[in-house]
Amino acid sequence: MQKIVVIDYGMSNLHSVCSALAHAAKGQAEVVISQDSAEIASADRVVFPGQGAAADCMQALNQLNLASVIRKAASEKPFLGICMGMQVLLEQSEENDSTSCLGLYEGSVKSFRRHVDPQEKIKVPHMGWNAIQQKQEHPLWSGIPQDSYFYFVHSYFVQPTNSEYAIGRTDYGLEFASVIASDNVFAMQCHPEKSASNGLRLLANFIQWRGA
């Protein structure tokens, strides 16, 4: 039986993520919550959820010596980033007066308030259901129709330097990269664990995906 490790850095409510993964696995995987580097290294696949502010997230990762562990896991095995677990994969975030992040992807995390035309009159945070436009084929899209709806809660969006990494996009005052992927990494701004059947299907696809 394969092992899925959900990274715990002390800032996320992991219950719903783990419950959704266990449901999607249908007995094919053991889901473990851990912040132990050896256990993360031994996992068959890794999930990196997150919530809260970028600076607090990076401080916690650095205090727990998890930054290098996450970079290594993302280079070696199927890796799913969710919400803040997507944002901090980039180099820098505008949040908290500029926060240095993990740097797996060149680019930055932008504020809706700063970059959306005020005439759009959007509410921040972006909260609720919205469609994802699938821009490139990927195994995790299997069985999920184009423009399917997923659940979002966020005030910042990612802008990778290489736009080819943005394999999913969503409109909210502007078009932003709601999903980025390359090699072993698939990361999404929305919450698959809160996205009903589409989210469960994506998690099931992740459990079967072999990565790069």
C-alpha atoms as a PDB file:
ATOM      1  CA  MET A   1       0.000   0.000   0.000  1.00  0.00           C
ATOM      2  CA  GLN A   2       1.353   3.391  -0.943  1.00  0.00           C
ATOM      3  CA  LYS A   3       1.819   6.144   1.618  1.00  0.00           C
ATOM      4  CA  ILE A   4       0.654   9.731   1.150  1.00  0.00           C
ATOM      5  CA  VAL A   5       2.150  12.245   3.559  1.00  0.00           C
ATOM      6  CA  VAL A   6       0.270  15.483   4.198  1.00  0.00           C
ATOM      7  CA  ILE A   7       2.777  18.071   5.398  1.00  0.00           C
ATOM      8  CA  ASP A   8       1.889  19.636   8.742  1.00  0.00           C
ATOM      9  CA  TYR A   9       3.649  22.903   9.531  1.00  0.00           C
ATOM     10  CA  GLY A  10       1.210  23.869  12.271  1.00  0.00           C
ATOM     11  CA  MET A  11      -0.976  26.328  10.367  1.00  0.00           C
ATOM     12  CA  SER A  12      -3.524  24.280   8.446  1.00  0.00           C
ATOM     13  CA  ASN A  13      -6.745  22.510   9.298  1.00  0.00           C
ATOM     14  CA  LEU A  14      -5.740  19.180   7.792  1.00  0.00           C
ATOM     15  CA  HIS A  15      -8.797  17.119   8.698  1.00  0.00           C
ATOM     16  CA  SER A  16     -10.787  17.860   5.552  1.00  0.00           C
ATOM     17  CA  VAL A  17      -7.757  17.306   3.292  1.00  0.00           C
ATOM     18  CA  CYS A  18      -6.969  13.955   4.872  1.00  0.00           C
ATOM     19  CA  SER A  19     -10.596  12.841   4.857  1.00  0.00           C
ATOM     20  CA  ALA A  20     -10.951  13.701   1.168  1.00  0.00           C
ATOM     21  CA  LEU A  21      -7.708  11.902   0.296  1.00  0.00           C
ATOM     22  CA  ALA A  22      -8.751   8.810   2.237  1.00  0.00           C
ATOM     23  CA  HIS A  23     -12.134   8.817   0.504  1.00  0.00           C
ATOM     24  CA  ALA A  24     -10.542   9.213  -2.926  1.00  0.00           C
ATOM     25  CA  ALA A  25      -7.970   6.479  -2.195  1.00  0.00           C
ATOM     26  CA  LYS A  26     -10.643   3.845  -1.580  1.00  0.00           C
ATOM     27  CA  GLY A  27      -8.277   1.776   0.539  1.00  0.00           C
ATOM     28  CA  GLN A  28      -5.378   2.010  -1.907  1.00  0.00           C
ATOM     29  CA  ALA A  29      -3.271   4.353   0.217  1.00  0.00           C
ATOM     30  CA  GLU A  30      -2.390   5.215   3.787  1.00  0.00           C
ATOM     31  CA  VAL A  31      -2.753   8.929   4.521  1.00  0.00           C
ATOM     32  CA  VAL A  32      -0.334  10.261   7.148  1.00  0.00           C
ATOM     33  CA  ILE A  33       0.014  13.752   8.634  1.00  0.00           C
ATOM     34  CA  SER A  34       3.623  14.566   9.419  1.00  0.00           C
ATOM     35  CA  GLN A  35       6.287  17.227   9.797  1.00  0.00           C
ATOM     36  CA  ASP A  36       9.058  14.642  10.107  1.00  0.00           C
ATOM     37  CA  SER A  37      11.591  14.945   7.289  1.00  0.00           C
ATOM     38  CA  ALA A  38      12.349  11.205   7.224  1.00  0.00           C
ATOM     39  CA  GLU A  39       8.672  10.310   6.929  1.00  0.00           C
ATOM     40  CA  ILE A  40       8.156  12.869   4.165  1.00  0.00           C
ATOM     41  CA  ALA A  41      11.199  11.469   2.357  1.00  0.00           C
ATOM     42  CA  SER A  42       9.790   7.927   2.589  1.00  0.00           C
ATOM     43  CA  ALA A  43       6.381   8.884   1.172  1.00  0.00           C
ATOM     44  CA  ASP A  44       5.202   7.717  -2.224  1.00  0.00           C
ATOM     45  CA  ARG A  45       3.559  11.089  -2.780  1.00  0.00           C
ATOM     46  CA  VAL A  46       3.268  14.346  -0.845  1.00  0.00           C
ATOM     47  CA  VAL A  47       0.460  16.857  -0.312  1.00  0.00           C
ATOM     48  CA  PHE A  48       1.315  20.382   0.836  1.00  0.00           C
ATOM     49  CA  PRO A  49      -1.829  22.272   1.941  1.00  0.00           C
ATOM     50  CA  GLY A  50      -1.749  25.683   3.519  1.00  0.00           C
ATOM     51  CA  GLN A  51      -3.629  28.661   4.832  1.00  0.00           C
ATOM     52  CA  GLY A  52      -2.861  31.948   6.559  1.00  0.00           C
ATOM     53  CA  ALA A  53      -0.291  34.586   5.636  1.00  0.00           C
ATOM     54  CA  ALA A  54       2.799  33.967   3.509  1.00  0.00           C
ATOM     55  CA  ALA A  55       5.244  35.328   6.091  1.00  0.00           C
ATOM     56  CA  ASP A  56       3.810  33.123   8.849  1.00  0.00           C
ATOM     57  CA  CYS A  57       3.910  30.104   6.548  1.00  0.00           C
ATOM     58  CA  MET A  58       7.557  30.630   5.598  1.00  0.00           C
ATOM     59  CA  GLN A  59       8.541  31.301   9.207  1.00  0.00           C
ATOM     60  CA  ALA A  60       6.960  28.022  10.280  1.00  0.00           C
ATOM     61  CA  LEU A  61       8.581  26.073   7.434  1.00  0.00           C
ATOM     62  CA  ASN A  62      12.002  27.493   8.269  1.00  0.00           C
ATOM     63  CA  GLN A  63      11.634  26.892  12.003  1.00  0.00           C
ATOM     64  CA  LEU A  64      10.713  23.254  11.319  1.00  0.00           C
ATOM     65  CA  ASN A  65      13.504  22.880   8.740  1.00  0.00           C
ATOM     66  CA  LEU A  66      10.915  21.888   6.143  1.00  0.00           C
ATOM     67  CA  ALA A  67      11.825  24.274   3.315  1.00  0.00           C
ATOM     68  CA  SER A  68      14.583  22.067   1.890  1.00  0.00           C
ATOM     69  CA  VAL A  69      12.504  18.940   2.566  1.00  0.00           C
ATOM     70  CA  ILE A  70       9.657  20.337   0.461  1.00  0.00           C
ATOM     71  CA  ARG A  71      11.977  21.303  -2.394  1.00  0.00           C
ATOM     72  CA  LYS A  72      13.472  17.807  -2.394  1.00  0.00           C
ATOM     73  CA  ALA A  73      10.102  16.050  -2.252  1.00  0.00           C
ATOM     74  CA  ALA A  74       8.798  18.132  -5.160  1.00  0.00           C
ATOM     75  CA  SER A  75      11.793  17.087  -7.251  1.00  0.00           C
ATOM     76  CA  GLU A  76      11.481  13.370  -6.501  1.00  0.00           C
ATOM     77  CA  LYS A  77       7.818  12.313  -6.252  1.00  0.00           C
ATOM     78  CA  PRO A  78       4.251  13.327  -7.108  1.00  0.00           C
ATOM     79  CA  PHE A  79       3.596  16.541  -5.207  1.00  0.00           C
ATOM     80  CA  LEU A  80       0.290  18.368  -4.774  1.00  0.00           C
ATOM     81  CA  GLY A  81       0.255  21.970  -3.516  1.00  0.00           C
ATOM     82  CA  ILE A  82      -3.020  23.476  -2.275  1.00  0.00           C
ATOM     83  CA  CYS A  83      -3.821  27.181  -1.685  1.00  0.00           C
ATOM     84  CA  MET A  84      -0.929  28.690   0.327  1.00  0.00           C
ATOM     85  CA  GLY A  85       0.894  25.452  -0.460  1.00  0.00           C
ATOM     86  CA  MET A  86       0.824  26.656  -4.062  1.00  0.00           C
ATOM     87  CA  GLN A  87       1.668  30.321  -3.455  1.00  0.00           C
ATOM     88  CA  VAL A  88       4.864  29.749  -1.502  1.00  0.00           C
ATOM     89  CA  LEU A  89       6.271  27.595  -4.317  1.00  0.00           C
ATOM     90  CA  LEU A  90       7.078  30.852  -6.105  1.00  0.00           C
ATOM     91  CA  GLU A  91       9.987  33.182  -5.359  1.00  0.00           C
ATOM     92  CA  GLN A  92       8.273  36.070  -3.624  1.00  0.00           C
ATOM     93  CA  SER A  93       4.892  37.271  -2.354  1.00  0.00           C
ATOM     94  CA  GLU A  94       3.589  40.822  -2.053  1.00  0.00           C
ATOM     95  CA  GLU A  95       1.897  39.767   1.182  1.00  0.00           C
ATOM     96  CA  ASN A  96       3.352  41.094   4.448  1.00  0.00           C
ATOM     97  CA  ASP A  97       5.341  43.829   2.639  1.00  0.00           C
ATOM     98  CA  SER A  98       7.189  41.270   0.516  1.00  0.00           C
ATOM     99  CA  THR A  99       7.955  37.736   1.642  1.00  0.00           C
ATOM    100  CA  SER A 100      10.680  35.482   0.227  1.00  0.00           C
ATOM    101  CA  CYS A 101       9.234  32.073  -0.591  1.00  0.00           C
ATOM    102  CA  LEU A 102      10.521  28.642  -1.641  1.00  0.00           C
ATOM    103  CA  GLY A 103      11.526  29.558  -5.179  1.00  0.00           C
ATOM    104  CA  LEU A 104      10.567  26.358  -6.986  1.00  0.00           C
ATOM    105  CA  TYR A 105       9.100  28.571  -9.706  1.00  0.00           C
ATOM    106  CA  GLU A 106      10.289  31.945 -10.927  1.00  0.00           C
ATOM    107  CA  GLY A 107       7.599  34.525 -10.395  1.00  0.00           C
ATOM    108  CA  SER A 108       5.631  36.210  -7.654  1.00  0.00           C
ATOM    109  CA  VAL A 109       2.365  36.259  -5.745  1.00  0.00           C
ATOM    110  CA  LYS A 110       0.195  39.319  -6.350  1.00  0.00           C
ATOM    111  CA  SER A 111      -2.606  41.045  -4.440  1.00  0.00           C
ATOM    112  CA  PHE A 112      -6.041  41.261  -6.047  1.00  0.00           C
ATOM    113  CA  ARG A 113      -6.516  44.670  -4.386  1.00  0.00           C
ATOM    114  CA  ARG A 114      -3.375  46.070  -6.004  1.00  0.00           C
ATOM    115  CA  HIS A 115      -3.736  44.591  -9.463  1.00  0.00           C
ATOM    116  CA  VAL A 116      -7.444  44.436 -10.285  1.00  0.00           C
ATOM    117  CA  ASP A 117      -9.020  47.553 -11.783  1.00  0.00           C
ATOM    118  CA  PRO A 118     -11.203  49.123  -9.037  1.00  0.00           C
ATOM    119  CA  GLN A 119     -13.993  49.474 -11.586  1.00  0.00           C
ATOM    120  CA  GLU A 120     -14.316  45.691 -11.541  1.00  0.00           C
ATOM    121  CA  LYS A 121     -15.695  46.022  -7.992  1.00  0.00           C
ATOM    122  CA  ILE A 122     -14.710  42.513  -6.961  1.00  0.00           C
ATOM    123  CA  LYS A 123     -14.896  41.293  -3.374  1.00  0.00           C
ATOM    124  CA  VAL A 124     -11.627  40.337  -1.700  1.00  0.00           C
ATOM    125  CA  PRO A 125     -11.010  37.653  -0.665  1.00  0.00           C
ATOM    126  CA  HIS A 126     -12.122  35.739  -3.718  1.00  0.00           C
ATOM    127  CA  MET A 127     -14.407  33.286  -1.950  1.00  0.00           C
ATOM    128  CA  GLY A 128     -16.698  30.668  -3.426  1.00  0.00           C
ATOM    129  CA  TRP A 129     -17.085  28.589  -6.568  1.00  0.00           C
ATOM    130  CA  ASN A 130     -15.376  29.512  -9.809  1.00  0.00           C
ATOM    131  CA  ALA A 131     -14.462  27.788 -13.061  1.00  0.00           C
ATOM    132  CA  ILE A 132     -11.010  26.584 -14.046  1.00  0.00           C
ATOM    133  CA  GLN A 133     -10.109  26.788 -17.728  1.00  0.00           C
ATOM    134  CA  GLN A 134      -7.832  23.868 -18.537  1.00  0.00           C
ATOM    135  CA  LYS A 135      -5.069  25.336 -20.702  1.00  0.00           C
ATOM    136  CA  GLN A 136      -2.992  22.175 -21.125  1.00  0.00           C
ATOM    137  CA  GLU A 137      -3.642  18.464 -20.876  1.00  0.00           C
ATOM    138  CA  HIS A 138      -2.558  16.795 -17.656  1.00  0.00           C
ATOM    139  CA  PRO A 139      -3.293  13.405 -16.037  1.00  0.00           C
ATOM    140  CA  LEU A 140      -4.955  15.134 -13.076  1.00  0.00           C
ATOM    141  CA  TRP A 141      -7.609  16.592 -15.402  1.00  0.00           C
ATOM    142  CA  SER A 142      -8.784  13.102 -16.384  1.00  0.00           C
ATOM    143  CA  GLY A 143     -12.572  12.853 -16.144  1.00  0.00           C
ATOM    144  CA  ILE A 144     -12.943  16.529 -15.173  1.00  0.00           C
ATOM    145  CA  PRO A 145     -14.792  18.571 -17.836  1.00  0.00           C
ATOM    146  CA  GLN A 146     -13.440  21.850 -19.155  1.00  0.00           C
ATOM    147  CA  ASP A 147     -14.527  24.888 -17.101  1.00  0.00           C
ATOM    148  CA  SER A 148     -15.476  22.763 -14.088  1.00  0.00           C
ATOM    149  CA  TYR A 149     -16.088  24.619 -10.840  1.00  0.00           C
ATOM    150  CA  PHE A 150     -13.845  24.427  -7.770  1.00  0.00           C
ATOM    151  CA  TYR A 151     -13.955  26.185  -4.398  1.00  0.00           C
ATOM    152  CA  PHE A 152     -11.635  29.167  -3.763  1.00  0.00           C
ATOM    153  CA  VAL A 153     -10.710  31.263  -0.720  1.00  0.00           C
ATOM    154  CA  HIS A 154      -7.789  33.674  -1.301  1.00  0.00           C
ATOM    155  CA  SER A 155      -6.741  37.311  -1.556  1.00  0.00           C
ATOM    156  CA  TYR A 156      -3.561  36.768  -3.595  1.00  0.00           C
ATOM    157  CA  PHE A 157      -2.836  35.024  -6.894  1.00  0.00           C
ATOM    158  CA  VAL A 158       0.311  33.575  -8.445  1.00  0.00           C
ATOM    159  CA  GLN A 159       2.027  34.930 -11.536  1.00  0.00           C
ATOM    160  CA  PRO A 160       4.760  32.547 -12.736  1.00  0.00           C
ATOM    161  CA  THR A 161       7.374  34.077 -15.037  1.00  0.00           C
ATOM    162  CA  ASN A 162       6.990  31.160 -17.441  1.00  0.00           C
ATOM    163  CA  SER A 163       3.328  31.265 -18.451  1.00  0.00           C
ATOM    164  CA  GLU A 164       3.551  27.709 -19.808  1.00  0.00           C
ATOM    165  CA  TYR A 165       3.456  26.458 -16.222  1.00  0.00           C
ATOM    166  CA  ALA A 166      -0.054  27.908 -15.845  1.00  0.00           C
ATOM    167  CA  ILE A 167      -2.063  24.883 -16.978  1.00  0.00           C
ATOM    168  CA  GLY A 168      -5.292  26.204 -15.436  1.00  0.00           C
ATOM    169  CA  ARG A 169      -6.670  29.745 -15.371  1.00  0.00           C
ATOM    170  CA  THR A 170      -9.600  31.431 -13.667  1.00  0.00           C
ATOM    171  CA  ASP A 171     -11.304  34.788 -14.142  1.00  0.00           C
ATOM    172  CA  TYR A 172     -11.846  37.055 -11.163  1.00  0.00           C
ATOM    173  CA  GLY A 173     -11.435  40.691 -12.109  1.00  0.00           C
ATOM    174  CA  LEU A 174      -8.534  39.480 -14.218  1.00  0.00           C
ATOM    175  CA  GLU A 175      -7.404  36.110 -15.537  1.00  0.00           C
ATOM    176  CA  PHE A 176      -4.986  34.484 -13.102  1.00  0.00           C
ATOM    177  CA  ALA A 177      -3.070  31.214 -12.925  1.00  0.00           C
ATOM    178  CA  SER A 178      -5.218  29.017 -10.710  1.00  0.00           C
ATOM    179  CA  VAL A 179      -3.184  25.862 -11.447  1.00  0.00           C
ATOM    180  CA  ILE A 180       0.525  25.500 -12.153  1.00  0.00           C
ATOM    181  CA  ALA A 181       2.334  22.280 -12.986  1.00  0.00           C
ATOM    182  CA  SER A 182       5.618  20.862 -14.221  1.00  0.00           C
ATOM    183  CA  ASP A 183       7.404  17.543 -13.778  1.00  0.00           C
ATOM    184  CA  ASN A 184       6.307  16.093 -10.391  1.00  0.00           C
ATOM    185  CA  VAL A 185       4.413  19.179  -9.219  1.00  0.00           C
ATOM    186  CA  PHE A 186       0.720  19.991  -9.582  1.00  0.00           C
ATOM    187  CA  ALA A 187      -0.400  22.954  -7.509  1.00  0.00           C
ATOM    188  CA  MET A 188      -3.754  24.694  -7.342  1.00  0.00           C
ATOM    189  CA  GLN A 189      -5.107  27.816  -5.696  1.00  0.00           C
ATOM    190  CA  CYS A 190      -8.498  26.247  -5.001  1.00  0.00           C
ATOM    191  CA  HIS A 191      -9.355  23.601  -2.422  1.00  0.00           C
ATOM    192  CA  PRO A 192     -10.020  20.195  -4.014  1.00  0.00           C
ATOM    193  CA  GLU A 193     -11.064  18.818  -0.628  1.00  0.00           C
ATOM    194  CA  LYS A 194     -13.957  21.335  -0.616  1.00  0.00           C
ATOM    195  CA  SER A 195     -14.832  20.988  -4.305  1.00  0.00           C
ATOM    196  CA  ALA A 196     -17.299  18.088  -4.244  1.00  0.00           C
ATOM    197  CA  SER A 197     -17.075  15.500  -7.032  1.00  0.00           C
ATOM    198  CA  ASN A 198     -14.579  17.452  -9.175  1.00  0.00           C
ATOM    199  CA  GLY A 199     -12.198  17.768  -6.239  1.00  0.00           C
ATOM    200  CA  LEU A 200     -12.500  14.109  -5.298  1.00  0.00           C
ATOM    201  CA  ARG A 201     -11.863  13.085  -8.894  1.00  0.00           C
ATOM    202  CA  LEU A 202      -8.743  15.252  -9.002  1.00  0.00           C
ATOM    203  CA  LEU A 203      -7.459  13.727  -5.754  1.00  0.00           C
ATOM    204  CA  ALA A 204      -8.141  10.227  -7.101  1.00  0.00           C
ATOM    205  CA  ASN A 205      -6.189  11.133 -10.238  1.00  0.00           C
ATOM    206  CA  PHE A 206      -3.327  12.396  -8.070  1.00  0.00           C
ATOM    207  CA  ILE A 207      -3.234   9.113  -6.174  1.00  0.00           C
ATOM    208  CA  GLN A 208      -2.784   7.244  -9.469  1.00  0.00           C
ATOM    209  CA  TRP A 209      -0.383   9.749 -11.070  1.00  0.00           C
ATOM    210  CA  ARG A 210       3.280   8.733 -11.305  1.00  0.00           C
ATOM    211  CA  GLY A 211       4.654  12.210 -11.802  1.00  0.00           C
ATOM    212  CA  ALA A 212       7.416  13.054 -14.261  1.00  0.00           C
END
